[in-house]
PDB file of N, CA and C in Angstrom:
ATOM      1  N   MET A   1      16.421 -32.121  21.032  1.00  0.00           N
ATOM      2  CA  MET A   1      15.638 -30.900  21.124  1.00  0.00           C
ATOM      3  C   MET A   1      15.520 -30.267  19.735  1.00  0.00           C
ATOM      4  N   GLU A   2      14.326 -29.881  19.390  1.00  0.00           N
ATOM      5  CA  GLU A   2      14.074 -29.295  18.081  1.00  0.00           C
ATOM      6  C   GLU A   2      14.494 -27.831  18.056  1.00  0.00           C
ATOM      7  N   ARG A   3      15.204 -27.440  16.995  1.00  0.00           N
ATOM      8  CA  ARG A   3      15.605 -26.036  16.845  1.00  0.00           C
ATOM      9  C   ARG A   3      14.415 -25.196  16.460  1.00  0.00           C
ATOM     10  N   LYS A   4      14.332 -24.007  17.022  1.00  0.00           N
ATOM     11  CA  LYS A   4      13.268 -23.073  16.675  1.00  0.00           C
ATOM     12  C   LYS A   4      13.862 -21.940  15.858  1.00  0.00           C
ATOM     13  N   LEU A   5      13.064 -21.438  14.959  1.00  0.00           N
ATOM     14  CA  LEU A   5      13.468 -20.331  14.107  1.00  0.00           C
ATOM     15  C   LEU A   5      12.533 -19.166  14.380  1.00  0.00           C
ATOM     16  N   ILE A   6      13.097 -18.015  14.616  1.00  0.00           N
ATOM     17  CA  ILE A   6      12.300 -16.816  14.872  1.00  0.00           C
ATOM     18  C   ILE A   6      12.458 -15.888  13.673  1.00  0.00           C
ATOM     19  N   LEU A   7      11.331 -15.523  13.086  1.00  0.00           N
ATOM     20  CA  LEU A   7      11.331 -14.625  11.934  1.00  0.00           C
ATOM     21  C   LEU A   7      10.775 -13.274  12.337  1.00  0.00           C
ATOM     22  N   GLU A   8      11.382 -12.240  11.824  1.00  0.00           N
ATOM     23  CA  GLU A   8      10.875 -10.884  12.046  1.00  0.00           C
ATOM     24  C   GLU A   8      10.247 -10.426  10.735  1.00  0.00           C
ATOM     25  N   MET A   9       8.959 -10.101  10.790  1.00  0.00           N
ATOM     26  CA  MET A   9       8.283  -9.662   9.572  1.00  0.00           C
ATOM     27  C   MET A   9       7.181  -8.683   9.916  1.00  0.00           C
ATOM     28  N   ASP A  10       6.840  -7.864   8.941  1.00  0.00           N
ATOM     29  CA  ASP A  10       5.721  -6.943   9.141  1.00  0.00           C
ATOM     30  C   ASP A  10       4.447  -7.612   8.634  1.00  0.00           C
ATOM     31  N   SER A  11       3.330  -6.928   8.756  1.00  0.00           N
ATOM     32  CA  SER A  11       2.050  -7.532   8.379  1.00  0.00           C
ATOM     33  C   SER A  11       1.992  -7.835   6.880  1.00  0.00           C
ATOM     34  N   TYR A  12       2.660  -7.043   6.075  1.00  0.00           N
ATOM     35  CA  TYR A  12       2.699  -7.289   4.630  1.00  0.00           C
ATOM     36  C   TYR A  12       3.385  -8.625   4.342  1.00  0.00           C
ATOM     37  N   ASP A  13       4.554  -8.840   4.963  1.00  0.00           N
ATOM     38  CA  ASP A  13       5.286 -10.096   4.792  1.00  0.00           C
ATOM     39  C   ASP A  13       4.460 -11.282   5.293  1.00  0.00           C
ATOM     40  N   ARG A  14       3.805 -11.099   6.426  1.00  0.00           N
ATOM     41  CA  ARG A  14       2.984 -12.159   7.019  1.00  0.00           C
ATOM     42  C   ARG A  14       1.851 -12.545   6.069  1.00  0.00           C
ATOM     43  N   ASN A  15       1.218 -11.557   5.462  1.00  0.00           N
ATOM     44  CA  ASN A  15       0.135 -11.842   4.522  1.00  0.00           C
ATOM     45  C   ASN A  15       0.634 -12.556   3.269  1.00  0.00           C
ATOM     46  N   ILE A  16       1.808 -12.199   2.796  1.00  0.00           N
ATOM     47  CA  ILE A  16       2.397 -12.895   1.647  1.00  0.00           C
ATOM     48  C   ILE A  16       2.605 -14.365   1.994  1.00  0.00           C
ATOM     49  N   LEU A  17       3.154 -14.613   3.163  1.00  0.00           N
ATOM     50  CA  LEU A  17       3.404 -15.984   3.595  1.00  0.00           C
ATOM     51  C   LEU A  17       2.103 -16.769   3.753  1.00  0.00           C
ATOM     52  N   LEU A  18       1.094 -16.150   4.359  1.00  0.00           N
ATOM     53  CA  LEU A  18      -0.201 -16.823   4.513  1.00  0.00           C
ATOM     54  C   LEU A  18      -0.840 -17.127   3.162  1.00  0.00           C
ATOM     55  N   ASN A  19      -0.757 -16.199   2.223  1.00  0.00           N
ATOM     56  CA  ASN A  19      -1.313 -16.436   0.884  1.00  0.00           C
ATOM     57  C   ASN A  19      -0.585 -17.572   0.168  1.00  0.00           C
ATOM     58  N   ALA A  20       0.732 -17.610   0.303  1.00  0.00           N
ATOM     59  CA  ALA A  20       1.510 -18.679  -0.326  1.00  0.00           C
ATOM     60  C   ALA A  20       1.157 -20.037   0.283  1.00  0.00           C
ATOM     61  N   LEU A  21       1.018 -20.077   1.597  1.00  0.00           N
ATOM     62  CA  LEU A  21       0.634 -21.327   2.255  1.00  0.00           C
ATOM     63  C   LEU A  21      -0.773 -21.753   1.848  1.00  0.00           C
ATOM     64  N   ASN A  22      -1.667 -20.800   1.724  1.00  0.00           N
ATOM     65  CA  ASN A  22      -3.029 -21.124   1.306  1.00  0.00           C
ATOM     66  C   ASN A  22      -3.051 -21.655  -0.125  1.00  0.00           C
ATOM     67  N   ASP A  23      -2.240 -21.075  -1.006  1.00  0.00           N
ATOM     68  CA  ASP A  23      -2.142 -21.580  -2.380  1.00  0.00           C
ATOM     69  C   ASP A  23      -1.611 -23.015  -2.391  1.00  0.00           C
ATOM     70  N   LEU A  24      -0.601 -23.282  -1.558  1.00  0.00           N
ATOM     71  CA  LEU A  24      -0.049 -24.633  -1.458  1.00  0.00           C
ATOM     72  C   LEU A  24      -1.102 -25.606  -0.940  1.00  0.00           C
ATOM     73  N   ARG A  25      -1.858 -25.175   0.053  1.00  0.00           N
ATOM     74  CA  ARG A  25      -2.920 -26.008   0.630  1.00  0.00           C
ATOM     75  C   ARG A  25      -3.979 -26.330  -0.429  1.00  0.00           C
ATOM     76  N   THR A  26      -4.378 -25.332  -1.195  1.00  0.00           N
ATOM     77  CA  THR A  26      -5.366 -25.536  -2.259  1.00  0.00           C
ATOM     78  C   THR A  26      -4.853 -26.531  -3.294  1.00  0.00           C
ATOM     79  N   LYS A  27      -3.585 -26.405  -3.665  1.00  0.00           N
ATOM     80  CA  LYS A  27      -2.973 -27.320  -4.630  1.00  0.00           C
ATOM     81  C   LYS A  27      -2.969 -28.748  -4.089  1.00  0.00           C
ATOM     82  N   GLN A  28      -2.636 -28.904  -2.812  1.00  0.00           N
ATOM     83  CA  GLN A  28      -2.597 -30.237  -2.224  1.00  0.00           C
ATOM     84  C   GLN A  28      -3.997 -30.853  -2.162  1.00  0.00           C
ATOM     85  N   ILE A  29      -5.005 -30.045  -1.890  1.00  0.00           N
ATOM     86  CA  ILE A  29      -6.382 -30.541  -1.868  1.00  0.00           C
ATOM     87  C   ILE A  29      -6.766 -31.042  -3.259  1.00  0.00           C
ATOM     88  N   ARG A  30      -6.441 -30.264  -4.295  1.00  0.00           N
ATOM     89  CA  ARG A  30      -6.755 -30.659  -5.678  1.00  0.00           C
ATOM     90  C   ARG A  30      -6.082 -31.974  -6.061  1.00  0.00           C
ATOM     91  N   GLU A  31      -4.852 -32.169  -5.540  1.00  0.00           N
ATOM     92  CA  GLU A  31      -4.086 -33.376  -5.878  1.00  0.00           C
ATOM     93  C   GLU A  31      -4.380 -34.539  -4.936  1.00  0.00           C
ATOM     94  N   GLY A  32      -5.258 -34.327  -3.972  1.00  0.00           N
ATOM     95  CA  GLY A  32      -5.615 -35.392  -3.039  1.00  0.00           C
ATOM     96  C   GLY A  32      -4.543 -35.695  -2.010  1.00  0.00           C
ATOM     97  N   LEU A  33      -3.678 -34.740  -1.755  1.00  0.00           N
ATOM     98  CA  LEU A  33      -2.603 -34.915  -0.776  1.00  0.00           C
ATOM     99  C   LEU A  33      -3.037 -34.373   0.578  1.00  0.00           C
ATOM    100  N   PRO A  34      -2.433 -34.879   1.659  1.00  0.00           N
ATOM    101  CA  PRO A  34      -2.796 -34.377   2.990  1.00  0.00           C
ATOM    102  C   PRO A  34      -2.344 -32.923   3.177  1.00  0.00           C
ATOM    103  N   THR A  35      -3.155 -32.167   3.893  1.00  0.00           N
ATOM    104  CA  THR A  35      -2.844 -30.751   4.120  1.00  0.00           C
ATOM    105  C   THR A  35      -2.436 -30.482   5.564  1.00  0.00           C
ATOM    106  N   ASP A  36      -2.357 -31.519   6.377  1.00  0.00           N
ATOM    107  CA  ASP A  36      -2.077 -31.337   7.802  1.00  0.00           C
ATOM    108  C   ASP A  36      -0.831 -30.493   8.095  1.00  0.00           C
ATOM    109  N   PRO A  37       0.319 -30.771   7.459  1.00  0.00           N
ATOM    110  CA  PRO A  37       1.503 -29.957   7.770  1.00  0.00           C
ATOM    111  C   PRO A  37       1.314 -28.473   7.437  1.00  0.00           C
ATOM    112  N   VAL A  38       0.671 -28.199   6.311  1.00  0.00           N
ATOM    113  CA  VAL A  38       0.432 -26.812   5.909  1.00  0.00           C
ATOM    114  C   VAL A  38      -0.567 -26.160   6.860  1.00  0.00           C
ATOM    115  N   ASP A  39      -1.617 -26.908   7.225  1.00  0.00           N
ATOM    116  CA  ASP A  39      -2.614 -26.394   8.165  1.00  0.00           C
ATOM    117  C   ASP A  39      -1.965 -26.004   9.489  1.00  0.00           C
ATOM    118  N   GLU A  40      -1.098 -26.883  10.003  1.00  0.00           N
ATOM    119  CA  GLU A  40      -0.435 -26.619  11.284  1.00  0.00           C
ATOM    120  C   GLU A  40       0.440 -25.372  11.203  1.00  0.00           C
ATOM    121  N   LEU A  41       1.139 -25.216  10.096  1.00  0.00           N
ATOM    122  CA  LEU A  41       1.996 -24.043   9.925  1.00  0.00           C
ATOM    123  C   LEU A  41       1.172 -22.764   9.828  1.00  0.00           C
ATOM    124  N   MET A  42       0.042 -22.830   9.143  1.00  0.00           N
ATOM    125  CA  MET A  42      -0.830 -21.655   9.037  1.00  0.00           C
ATOM    126  C   MET A  42      -1.384 -21.267  10.410  1.00  0.00           C
ATOM    127  N   VAL A  43      -1.760 -22.256  11.213  1.00  0.00           N
ATOM    128  CA  VAL A  43      -2.264 -21.973  12.561  1.00  0.00           C
ATOM    129  C   VAL A  43      -1.168 -21.320  13.397  1.00  0.00           C
ATOM    130  N   LYS A  44       0.055 -21.835  13.304  1.00  0.00           N
ATOM    131  CA  LYS A  44       1.169 -21.233  14.049  1.00  0.00           C
ATOM    132  C   LYS A  44       1.359 -19.775  13.652  1.00  0.00           C
ATOM    133  N   LEU A  45       1.265 -19.507  12.378  1.00  0.00           N
ATOM    134  CA  LEU A  45       1.451 -18.143  11.885  1.00  0.00           C
ATOM    135  C   LEU A  45       0.320 -17.232  12.347  1.00  0.00           C
ATOM    136  N   TYR A  46      -0.921 -17.730  12.308  1.00  0.00           N
ATOM    137  CA  TYR A  46      -2.068 -16.944  12.780  1.00  0.00           C
ATOM    138  C   TYR A  46      -1.966 -16.645  14.272  1.00  0.00           C
ATOM    139  N   GLU A  47      -1.490 -17.634  15.037  1.00  0.00           N
ATOM    140  CA  GLU A  47      -1.461 -17.498  16.490  1.00  0.00           C
ATOM    141  C   GLU A  47      -0.170 -16.885  17.024  1.00  0.00           C
ATOM    142  N   ALA A  48       0.783 -16.600  16.155  1.00  0.00           N
ATOM    143  CA  ALA A  48       2.067 -16.047  16.592  1.00  0.00           C
ATOM    144  C   ALA A  48       1.850 -14.709  17.290  1.00  0.00           C
ATOM    145  N   LYS A  49       2.557 -14.539  18.374  1.00  0.00           N
ATOM    146  CA  LYS A  49       2.461 -13.284  19.120  1.00  0.00           C
ATOM    147  C   LYS A  49       3.115 -12.172  18.318  1.00  0.00           C
ATOM    148  N   GLN A  50       2.478 -11.034  18.342  1.00  0.00           N
ATOM    149  CA  GLN A  50       3.051  -9.874  17.675  1.00  0.00           C
ATOM    150  C   GLN A  50       3.704  -8.999  18.728  1.00  0.00           C
ATOM    151  N   LYS A  51       4.942  -8.663  18.493  1.00  0.00           N
ATOM    152  CA  LYS A  51       5.678  -7.812  19.424  1.00  0.00           C
ATOM    153  C   LYS A  51       5.960  -6.483  18.755  1.00  0.00           C
ATOM    154  N   ARG A  52       5.853  -5.454  19.530  1.00  0.00           N
ATOM    155  CA  ARG A  52       6.204  -4.125  19.034  1.00  0.00           C
ATOM    156  C   ARG A  52       7.503  -3.705  19.715  1.00  0.00           C
ATOM    157  N   PHE A  53       8.416  -3.198  18.923  1.00  0.00           N
ATOM    158  CA  PHE A  53       9.674  -2.740  19.493  1.00  0.00           C
ATOM    159  C   PHE A  53      10.270  -1.667  18.602  1.00  0.00           C
ATOM    160  N   LEU A  54      11.149  -0.915  19.169  1.00  0.00           N
ATOM    161  CA  LEU A  54      11.838   0.144  18.441  1.00  0.00           C
ATOM    162  C   LEU A  54      13.237  -0.327  18.088  1.00  0.00           C
ATOM    163  N   VAL A  55      13.664   0.011  16.915  1.00  0.00           N
ATOM    164  CA  VAL A  55      15.016  -0.307  16.488  1.00  0.00           C
ATOM    165  C   VAL A  55      15.737   1.014  16.298  1.00  0.00           C
ATOM    166  N   SER A  56      16.831   1.182  17.008  1.00  0.00           N
ATOM    167  CA  SER A  56      17.565   2.439  16.898  1.00  0.00           C
ATOM    168  C   SER A  56      18.321   2.478  15.574  1.00  0.00           C
ATOM    169  N   GLU A  57      18.582   3.662  15.084  1.00  0.00           N
ATOM    170  CA  GLU A  57      19.322   3.822  13.834  1.00  0.00           C
ATOM    171  C   GLU A  57      20.729   3.247  13.953  1.00  0.00           C
ATOM    172  N   ALA A  58      21.351   3.389  15.107  1.00  0.00           N
ATOM    173  CA  ALA A  58      22.704   2.869  15.297  1.00  0.00           C
ATOM    174  C   ALA A  58      22.711   1.355  15.139  1.00  0.00           C
ATOM    175  N   CYS A  59      21.723   0.707  15.686  1.00  0.00           N
ATOM    176  CA  CYS A  59      21.611  -0.745  15.573  1.00  0.00           C
ATOM    177  C   CYS A  59      21.356  -1.134  14.122  1.00  0.00           C
ATOM    178  N   HIS A  60      20.506  -0.400  13.447  1.00  0.00           N
ATOM    179  CA  HIS A  60      20.168  -0.685  12.058  1.00  0.00           C
ATOM    180  C   HIS A  60      21.394  -0.528  11.160  1.00  0.00           C
ATOM    181  N   GLU A  61      22.183   0.495  11.379  1.00  0.00           N
ATOM    182  CA  GLU A  61      23.384   0.740  10.577  1.00  0.00           C
ATOM    183  C   GLU A  61      24.409  -0.373  10.778  1.00  0.00           C
ATOM    184  N   HIS A  62      24.433  -0.962  11.972  1.00  0.00           N
ATOM    185  CA  HIS A  62      25.397  -2.012  12.280  1.00  0.00           C
ATOM    186  C   HIS A  62      25.210  -3.225  11.365  1.00  0.00           C
ATOM    187  N   TYR A  63      23.977  -3.520  10.961  1.00  0.00           N
ATOM    188  CA  TYR A  63      23.686  -4.711  10.179  1.00  0.00           C
ATOM    189  C   TYR A  63      23.696  -4.481   8.679  1.00  0.00           C
ATOM    190  N   ARG A  64      24.017  -3.306   8.230  1.00  0.00           N
ATOM    191  CA  ARG A  64      24.070  -3.041   6.780  1.00  0.00           C
ATOM    192  C   ARG A  64      25.349  -3.522   6.186  1.00  0.00           C
TER     193      ARG A  64
END
């Protein structure tokens, strides 16, 4: 069974990741390398469900 990783990020972080993946994809195209793995990851990121939730201050302080 493949392990899954869940990342918590805001829209700013998500855009940074998408831009970095797009830069990698562009580089691979220039070098004639396949872009399939990067494409699949970008699609996963675009299609990821966005959840809204509240984090209490007590919970936040616990992880500092």
